[in-house]
Amino acid sequence: MDGNHNSSTPGTGRAEPLKKQASSAVEISQITGAQLGGSNDPGAPDVHSKFGSRLLSAEQDVFEHNAWDHVEPDDEYLEYAEQQIRMHHEHPVPTEKQEFYNNTPAAFWNSFYNNNQNKFFKDRHWLRIEFAELFEWTTDRKSASEGHADAGTVKEDVHLADSSDSAVSKSRGVAVASALSSEPSDAKFRIMEVGCGAGNAVFPLLADVSDPRLFVYACDYSKVAVDVVKSGEAYDENRCAALVWDLSSTELPPNVQPGSIDIMLMVFVFSALHPSQWNQAVENAYRLLKPGGLLLFRDYGRNDLAQVRFKKSRLLEDNLYIRGDGTRVYFFTNDELADIFGTKFEIEQNAIDRRLIVNRKRELKMYRVWLQAKFRKPISAD
């Protein structure tokens, strides 16, 4: 499939999504106009090379690079998006076909992986930057010896908007690390990826972390995807178990104990579910995670280019679409994520990641929108 701590909006009681900060030790708010060189001066310090920190400070410079971070859509795009969404509602998926798509989602993903195997998605090495918690629990990893920033620094300085939020997150991280150190030396640190696909997150994680305590569950409701993972050269049953499991099932995956998972990863997987399945999926995640366990989430945001460019007869329900290959995709808002996960989890991050992609030759602007979140099961949970 394939995807900051909140501040409250006065008078509403609802969390306001923060713009996702640059994934480096420098916060966007700390980059001054002088550092930016006034108008994306190429002679300025190498701030722009950091992932998430290429900022467009002058509209006339938009076609100087192929991509810009944290750019709000302009009026022209918003008008186009509104027209497209209206067209989607005027020409939805025919009623007689909707049940077919909703009743057989795994079959479409099986077909997808039969056709693409492990050749469609790139390995997700960016997880080390965006979700450092997958790695920070141990120093027994290649990235630690290759000079990458300590995950604690990334966690404290990058994703969280102010020092108080940072302190909360850091203290929780210390608590989890302390709990792990108090367990027997052979205790496992269990990570589960839901919607593992062909293993593009699992295999990079196993390659980087050599700590013998690591054990990874790779789950997908496509049997073909799970078979692709199992056939991979790096698949090691001593360190990993690939399982066929539907996140929205009323049963937990086989041989996985409730309350045994330290970190759960969901990258562009929740959007494949029907809204009627969300509550069960959240309940399953809650049951599987340990008290204090962390759910790492990334998925599509509302009015993303992928949504706007859909043609006629692709809309199943509000913001839920069918791709050409029959797979479903939903486009979320931060408010929806807060409502969906906030009843069970503490929300440590609920951020929006905007990227403006440009075709410099044709002078086209394409706005991408992803949501990124971190949800923690309360440490006091039963």
Protein backbone atom coordinates (compact mmCIF):
# COMPACT_ATOMS: atom_id res chain seq x y z
CA MET A 1 0.00 0.00 0.00
CA ASP A 2 1.42 2.95 -1.55
CA GLY A 3 1.49 8.59 3.07
CA ASN A 4 4.09 17.44 16.32
CA HIS A 5 2.46 17.65 19.30
CA ASN A 6 -0.77 19.59 18.87
CA SER A 7 -1.62 22.99 20.16
CA SER A 8 -5.25 23.72 20.94
CA THR A 9 -7.31 26.07 18.83
CA PRO A 10 -8.76 28.68 21.22
CA GLY A 11 -12.43 28.26 21.91
CA THR A 12 -12.77 24.92 20.14
CA GLY A 13 -11.00 22.43 22.36
CA ARG A 14 -9.74 20.79 19.16
CA ALA A 15 -6.10 20.21 18.46
CA GLU A 16 -4.67 22.32 15.67
CA PRO A 17 -2.33 20.40 13.34
CA LEU A 18 1.20 21.68 13.27
CA LYS A 19 3.28 21.87 10.16
CA LYS A 20 5.78 19.01 10.24
CA GLN A 21 9.17 20.41 11.08
CA ALA A 22 12.30 19.83 9.06
CA SER A 23 13.74 16.41 9.70
CA SER A 24 17.08 17.69 10.91
CA ALA A 25 18.34 19.16 14.17
CA VAL A 26 17.22 22.62 13.03
CA GLU A 27 13.61 23.69 13.45
CA ILE A 28 11.99 25.64 10.65
CA SER A 29 11.12 28.42 13.06
CA GLN A 30 14.82 28.86 13.85
CA ILE A 31 15.87 29.41 10.23
CA THR A 32 16.24 33.15 9.77
CA GLY A 33 15.78 35.24 6.69
CA ALA A 34 19.54 35.78 6.55
CA GLN A 35 20.10 32.03 6.50
CA LEU A 36 17.65 31.74 3.64
CA GLY A 37 19.56 34.36 1.70
CA GLY A 38 16.45 36.54 1.24
CA SER A 39 15.02 34.65 -1.77
CA ASN A 40 16.38 31.12 -1.84
CA ASP A 41 19.86 32.40 -2.57
CA PRO A 42 21.88 29.40 -3.82
CA GLY A 43 24.90 30.85 -2.04
CA ALA A 44 23.22 30.68 1.36
CA PRO A 45 24.30 28.08 3.96
CA ASP A 46 23.34 24.53 3.06
CA VAL A 47 20.03 24.64 4.93
CA HIS A 48 18.04 23.67 1.84
CA SER A 49 19.81 20.35 1.48
CA LYS A 50 18.27 19.11 4.71
CA PHE A 51 15.21 16.96 4.17
CA GLY A 52 12.09 18.99 4.86
CA SER A 53 13.76 22.40 4.92
CA ARG A 54 13.68 23.70 1.34
CA LEU A 55 11.45 26.70 1.89
CA LEU A 56 9.96 28.91 -0.80
CA SER A 57 10.37 32.48 0.41
CA ALA A 58 9.68 34.23 -2.91
CA GLU A 59 7.02 33.11 -5.39
CA GLN A 60 9.13 34.09 -8.39
CA ASP A 61 11.64 31.40 -7.40
CA VAL A 62 9.13 28.54 -7.56
CA PHE A 63 10.62 27.00 -10.70
CA GLU A 64 14.21 27.21 -9.49
CA HIS A 65 13.96 23.74 -7.88
CA ASN A 66 11.94 20.58 -8.44
CA ALA A 67 10.34 20.57 -5.00
CA TRP A 68 9.59 22.83 -2.02
CA ASP A 69 8.54 21.96 1.52
CA HIS A 70 5.64 23.30 3.61
CA VAL A 71 4.02 25.26 0.77
CA GLU A 72 0.33 26.06 1.16
CA PRO A 73 -1.70 25.55 -2.05
CA ASP A 74 -2.44 28.71 -4.01
CA ASP A 75 -5.92 29.95 -4.90
CA GLU A 76 -5.73 28.51 -8.40
CA TYR A 77 -5.09 25.00 -7.06
CA LEU A 78 -7.78 25.29 -4.39
CA GLU A 79 -10.32 26.32 -7.03
CA TYR A 80 -9.24 23.42 -9.25
CA ALA A 81 -9.49 21.00 -6.32
CA GLU A 82 -12.98 22.23 -5.47
CA GLN A 83 -14.10 21.74 -9.07
CA GLN A 84 -12.62 18.25 -9.18
CA ILE A 85 -14.21 17.14 -5.91
CA ARG A 86 -17.56 18.43 -7.15
CA MET A 87 -17.12 16.42 -10.34
CA HIS A 88 -16.27 13.31 -8.30
CA HIS A 89 -19.56 13.63 -6.41
CA GLU A 90 -21.51 14.14 -9.60
CA HIS A 91 -20.00 10.99 -11.13
CA PRO A 92 -19.35 8.43 -8.35
CA VAL A 93 -18.72 4.71 -8.70
CA PRO A 94 -21.99 3.16 -9.92
CA THR A 95 -24.03 1.85 -7.02
CA GLU A 96 -24.05 -1.70 -8.37
CA LYS A 97 -20.22 -1.79 -8.33
CA GLN A 98 -19.60 -0.31 -4.88
CA GLU A 99 -20.30 -3.54 -3.00
CA PHE A 100 -17.90 -5.41 -5.29
CA TYR A 101 -15.01 -3.09 -4.43
CA ASN A 102 -15.79 -2.98 -0.71
CA ASN A 103 -16.25 -6.74 -0.27
CA THR A 104 -13.04 -7.93 -1.95
CA PRO A 105 -10.23 -5.47 -1.08
CA ALA A 106 -7.60 -8.14 -0.42
CA ALA A 107 -8.17 -9.64 -3.87
CA PHE A 108 -7.18 -6.36 -5.52
CA TRP A 109 -4.01 -6.11 -3.43
CA ASN A 110 -3.19 -9.74 -4.26
CA SER A 111 -3.48 -8.82 -7.93
CA PHE A 112 -1.31 -5.75 -7.36
CA TYR A 113 1.51 -7.77 -5.79
CA ASN A 114 1.16 -10.56 -8.34
CA ASN A 115 1.86 -7.95 -10.99
CA ASN A 116 4.54 -5.95 -9.17
CA GLN A 117 6.15 -8.30 -6.63
CA ASN A 118 8.83 -6.22 -4.86
CA LYS A 119 9.56 -3.87 -7.76
CA PHE A 120 7.00 -1.10 -7.21
CA PHE A 121 7.93 0.65 -3.95
CA LYS A 122 11.35 1.90 -2.91
CA ASP A 123 12.89 0.90 0.40
CA ARG A 124 11.82 3.32 3.09
CA HIS A 125 15.18 4.47 4.41
CA TRP A 126 13.51 7.76 5.37
CA LEU A 127 12.02 6.00 8.38
CA ARG A 128 15.28 6.62 10.24
CA ILE A 129 14.63 10.36 9.92
CA GLU A 130 10.88 10.57 10.36
CA PHE A 131 10.34 7.75 12.86
CA ALA A 132 13.59 7.56 14.78
CA GLU A 133 11.85 5.63 17.56
CA LEU A 134 12.18 2.49 15.41
CA PHE A 135 15.93 2.72 15.92
CA GLU A 136 16.59 4.81 19.03
CA TRP A 137 15.90 2.04 21.54
CA THR A 138 19.32 0.50 20.76
CA THR A 139 22.83 1.60 19.79
CA ASP A 140 23.48 -1.76 18.17
CA ARG A 141 22.81 -0.52 14.65
CA LYS A 142 24.76 0.54 11.59
CA SER A 143 23.30 4.05 11.51
CA ALA A 144 24.72 4.72 14.98
CA SER A 145 28.27 4.01 13.78
CA GLU A 146 27.84 5.90 10.49
CA GLY A 147 27.46 9.28 12.17
CA HIS A 148 23.70 9.81 11.89
CA ALA A 149 22.12 12.09 14.45
CA ASP A 150 21.11 10.44 17.69
CA ALA A 151 17.44 9.64 17.58
CA GLY A 152 16.97 11.48 20.86
CA THR A 153 18.13 14.70 19.22
CA VAL A 154 15.82 14.19 16.29
CA LYS A 155 12.92 13.42 18.55
CA GLU A 156 13.52 16.40 20.83
CA ASP A 157 14.52 19.15 18.45
CA VAL A 158 12.71 18.40 15.24
CA HIS A 159 9.19 17.15 15.49
CA LEU A 160 7.97 18.94 18.57
CA ALA A 161 6.98 22.55 18.46
CA ASP A 162 8.07 23.78 21.88
CA SER A 163 10.31 22.79 24.74
CA SER A 164 7.48 21.60 26.97
CA ASP A 165 6.24 19.16 24.33
CA SER A 166 9.81 18.05 23.77
CA ALA A 167 10.34 17.36 27.44
CA VAL A 168 7.19 15.23 27.61
CA SER A 169 8.20 13.16 24.61
CA LYS A 170 11.77 12.79 25.83
CA SER A 171 10.67 11.67 29.28
CA ARG A 172 8.41 9.04 27.74
CA GLY A 173 11.27 7.83 25.58
CA VAL A 174 13.48 7.52 28.64
CA ALA A 175 10.73 5.63 30.45
CA VAL A 176 10.43 3.12 27.64
CA ALA A 177 14.21 2.68 27.46
CA SER A 178 14.37 2.19 31.22
CA ALA A 179 11.60 -0.39 31.10
CA LEU A 180 13.49 -2.30 28.42
CA SER A 181 16.76 -2.21 30.37
CA SER A 182 15.01 -3.62 33.43
CA GLU A 183 13.82 -6.68 31.52
CA PRO A 184 15.95 -9.81 31.15
CA SER A 185 18.85 -9.37 28.72
CA ASP A 186 17.21 -11.71 26.20
CA ALA A 187 13.86 -9.85 26.27
CA LYS A 188 12.61 -9.02 22.80
CA PHE A 189 11.86 -5.56 21.44
CA ARG A 190 8.90 -6.22 19.17
CA ILE A 191 8.03 -4.03 16.20
CA MET A 192 4.99 -4.74 14.04
CA GLU A 193 4.42 -3.27 10.61
CA VAL A 194 0.80 -3.45 9.50
CA GLY A 195 0.50 -3.31 5.72
CA CYS A 196 4.06 -4.48 5.17
CA GLY A 197 3.66 -4.91 1.42
CA ALA A 198 6.83 -6.32 -0.11
CA GLY A 199 8.96 -5.54 2.97
CA ASN A 200 10.23 -2.09 1.99
CA ALA A 201 10.26 -0.99 5.63
CA VAL A 202 10.93 -4.31 7.32
CA PHE A 203 14.09 -5.25 5.44
CA PRO A 204 15.87 -1.87 5.84
CA LEU A 205 15.06 -2.02 9.56
CA LEU A 206 16.48 -5.53 9.93
CA ALA A 207 19.56 -4.54 7.93
CA ASP A 208 20.27 -1.52 10.12
CA VAL A 209 19.53 -2.92 13.59
CA SER A 210 21.68 -5.88 14.57
CA ASP A 211 20.55 -5.96 18.21
CA PRO A 212 19.53 -9.60 18.86
CA ARG A 213 16.56 -8.41 20.91
CA LEU A 214 14.79 -7.06 17.82
CA PHE A 215 11.90 -9.10 16.47
CA VAL A 216 9.70 -7.78 13.65
CA TYR A 217 6.21 -8.86 12.68
CA ALA A 218 5.36 -8.08 9.05
CA CYS A 219 1.60 -8.20 8.49
CA ASP A 220 -0.51 -7.67 5.39
CA TYR A 221 -3.94 -8.82 4.32
CA SER A 222 -2.53 -9.72 0.92
CA LYS A 223 -1.23 -13.30 1.00
CA VAL A 224 0.81 -12.57 -2.11
CA ALA A 225 2.57 -9.68 -0.35
CA VAL A 226 3.37 -11.88 2.64
CA ASP A 227 4.74 -14.57 0.32
CA VAL A 228 6.95 -11.93 -1.34
CA VAL A 229 8.36 -10.99 2.07
CA LYS A 230 8.98 -14.62 2.99
CA SER A 231 10.83 -15.20 -0.27
CA GLY A 232 13.21 -12.30 0.31
CA GLU A 233 16.87 -13.13 0.80
CA ALA A 234 16.98 -11.15 4.03
CA TYR A 235 13.98 -12.91 5.57
CA ASP A 236 15.10 -14.65 8.75
CA GLU A 237 12.54 -16.49 10.86
CA ASN A 238 14.73 -15.95 13.91
CA ARG A 239 14.23 -12.19 13.57
CA CYS A 240 11.01 -11.78 11.63
CA ALA A 241 7.60 -13.35 11.11
CA ALA A 242 5.46 -12.49 8.07
CA LEU A 243 1.75 -13.00 8.69
CA VAL A 244 -1.46 -12.70 6.71
CA TRP A 245 -3.69 -10.48 8.82
CA ASP A 246 -6.43 -7.94 8.21
CA LEU A 247 -6.06 -4.93 10.50
CA SER A 248 -9.84 -4.63 10.66
CA SER A 249 -10.38 -8.27 11.67
CA THR A 250 -12.16 -9.08 14.91
CA GLU A 251 -9.28 -11.45 15.71
CA LEU A 252 -5.67 -10.59 16.48
CA PRO A 253 -2.89 -12.07 14.32
CA PRO A 254 -1.95 -15.66 15.14
CA ASN A 255 0.79 -16.25 17.70
CA VAL A 256 1.01 -12.58 18.68
CA GLN A 257 0.11 -11.91 22.30
CA PRO A 258 -1.99 -8.90 23.29
CA GLY A 259 0.08 -6.17 24.91
CA SER A 260 3.35 -7.48 23.43
CA ILE A 261 4.22 -4.90 20.74
CA ASP A 262 6.57 -2.02 21.54
CA ILE A 263 6.11 -0.08 18.29
CA MET A 264 3.53 -0.44 15.54
CA LEU A 265 4.10 1.06 12.09
CA MET A 266 1.28 2.03 9.71
CA VAL A 267 2.50 3.67 6.50
CA PHE A 268 -0.14 4.25 3.81
CA VAL A 269 -2.26 1.39 5.13
CA PHE A 270 -5.12 2.94 7.12
CA SER A 271 -6.28 4.70 3.95
CA ALA A 272 -7.03 1.29 2.39
CA LEU A 273 -9.74 0.61 4.99
CA HIS A 274 -13.40 1.50 4.73
CA PRO A 275 -14.43 4.09 7.36
CA SER A 276 -16.71 1.48 8.94
CA GLN A 277 -13.56 -0.53 9.77
CA TRP A 278 -11.62 2.23 11.51
CA ASN A 279 -12.86 1.61 15.06
CA GLN A 280 -12.00 -2.09 14.94
CA ALA A 281 -8.58 -1.32 13.51
CA VAL A 282 -7.84 1.17 16.30
CA GLU A 283 -9.07 -1.33 18.90
CA ASN A 284 -6.73 -3.99 17.48
CA ALA A 285 -3.75 -1.65 17.54
CA TYR A 286 -4.55 -0.70 21.13
CA ARG A 287 -4.83 -4.34 22.22
CA LEU A 288 -1.56 -5.35 20.59
CA LEU A 289 0.60 -2.52 21.92
CA LYS A 290 2.21 -2.60 25.33
CA PRO A 291 1.26 0.12 27.82
CA GLY A 292 3.45 3.01 26.69
CA GLY A 293 3.76 1.48 23.22
CA LEU A 294 3.88 3.74 20.19
CA LEU A 295 1.91 3.77 16.94
CA LEU A 296 3.70 5.52 14.06
CA PHE A 297 1.39 6.68 11.27
CA ARG A 298 1.78 8.23 7.82
CA ASP A 299 -0.94 8.48 5.16
CA TYR A 300 -2.63 10.64 2.55
CA GLY A 301 -4.02 14.09 3.38
CA ARG A 302 -7.15 15.82 2.12
CA ASN A 303 -6.80 17.55 -1.28
CA ASP A 304 -3.56 15.78 -2.06
CA LEU A 305 -2.87 15.75 -5.79
CA ALA A 306 -3.59 12.02 -5.84
CA GLN A 307 -7.15 12.78 -4.73
CA VAL A 308 -7.75 15.81 -6.89
CA ARG A 309 -6.67 14.20 -10.14
CA PHE A 310 -9.09 11.23 -9.92
CA LYS A 311 -11.41 11.02 -12.91
CA LYS A 312 -15.10 10.14 -13.09
CA SER A 313 -16.51 6.97 -11.52
CA ARG A 314 -13.77 6.65 -8.88
CA LEU A 315 -15.51 8.04 -5.78
CA LEU A 316 -16.97 5.38 -3.48
CA GLU A 317 -17.93 7.66 -0.60
CA ASP A 318 -16.81 11.03 0.69
CA ASN A 319 -13.01 11.11 0.28
CA LEU A 320 -12.85 7.35 -0.37
CA TYR A 321 -11.79 6.38 -3.88
CA ILE A 322 -11.01 3.41 -6.08
CA ARG A 323 -7.76 3.44 -8.03
CA GLY A 324 -7.50 2.00 -11.51
CA ASP A 325 -6.27 -1.29 -10.08
CA GLY A 326 -9.30 -1.60 -7.77
CA THR A 327 -7.51 -0.75 -4.50
CA ARG A 328 -9.17 1.73 -2.14
CA VAL A 329 -7.67 4.94 -0.80
CA TYR A 330 -9.01 7.48 1.70
CA PHE A 331 -7.73 11.05 2.19
CA PHE A 332 -7.69 12.22 5.82
CA THR A 333 -7.66 15.46 7.76
CA ASN A 334 -5.83 16.01 11.05
CA ASP A 335 -9.17 16.49 12.80
CA GLU A 336 -10.29 13.07 11.61
CA LEU A 337 -7.12 11.44 12.91
CA ALA A 338 -7.64 13.11 16.29
CA ASP A 339 -11.20 11.79 16.41
CA ILE A 340 -10.27 8.29 15.23
CA PHE A 341 -7.27 7.66 17.49
CA GLY A 342 -7.79 10.17 20.30
CA THR A 343 -10.36 8.06 22.11
CA LYS A 344 -7.74 5.40 22.87
CA PHE A 345 -4.34 6.99 22.46
CA GLU A 346 -2.37 9.98 23.63
CA ILE A 347 -1.56 12.13 20.58
CA GLU A 348 2.13 13.04 20.53
CA GLN A 349 2.19 14.24 16.95
CA ASN A 350 -0.54 15.07 14.44
CA ALA A 351 1.24 16.91 11.67
CA ILE A 352 0.67 17.89 8.08
CA ASP A 353 3.45 17.47 5.54
CA ARG A 354 3.00 19.59 2.42
CA ARG A 355 5.27 19.42 -0.60
CA LEU A 356 5.08 21.42 -3.80
CA ILE A 357 6.41 19.42 -6.74
CA VAL A 358 7.09 21.41 -9.91
CA ASN A 359 7.60 20.52 -13.54
CA ARG A 360 10.14 23.17 -14.43
CA LYS A 361 9.98 22.57 -18.17
CA ARG A 362 6.18 22.85 -18.39
CA GLU A 363 5.92 25.21 -15.38
CA LEU A 364 3.36 23.04 -13.62
CA LYS A 365 2.77 23.05 -9.86
CA MET A 366 1.61 19.89 -8.07
CA TYR A 367 0.67 19.97 -4.40
CA ARG A 368 1.20 16.84 -2.30
CA VAL A 369 -0.29 16.45 1.17
CA TRP A 370 0.54 13.74 3.72
CA LEU A 371 -0.35 13.39 7.37
CA GLN A 372 2.13 12.12 9.92
CA ALA A 373 1.24 11.18 13.47
CA LYS A 374 2.44 9.43 16.60
CA PHE A 375 -0.07 7.89 18.98
CA ARG A 376 0.96 6.42 22.33
CA LYS A 377 -0.96 3.89 24.39
CA PRO A 378 -1.18 5.31 27.91
CA ILE A 379 1.46 3.85 30.21
CA SER A 380 -1.28 3.26 32.80
CA ALA A 381 -3.44 1.22 30.41
CA ASP A 382 -4.46 -2.24 31.55
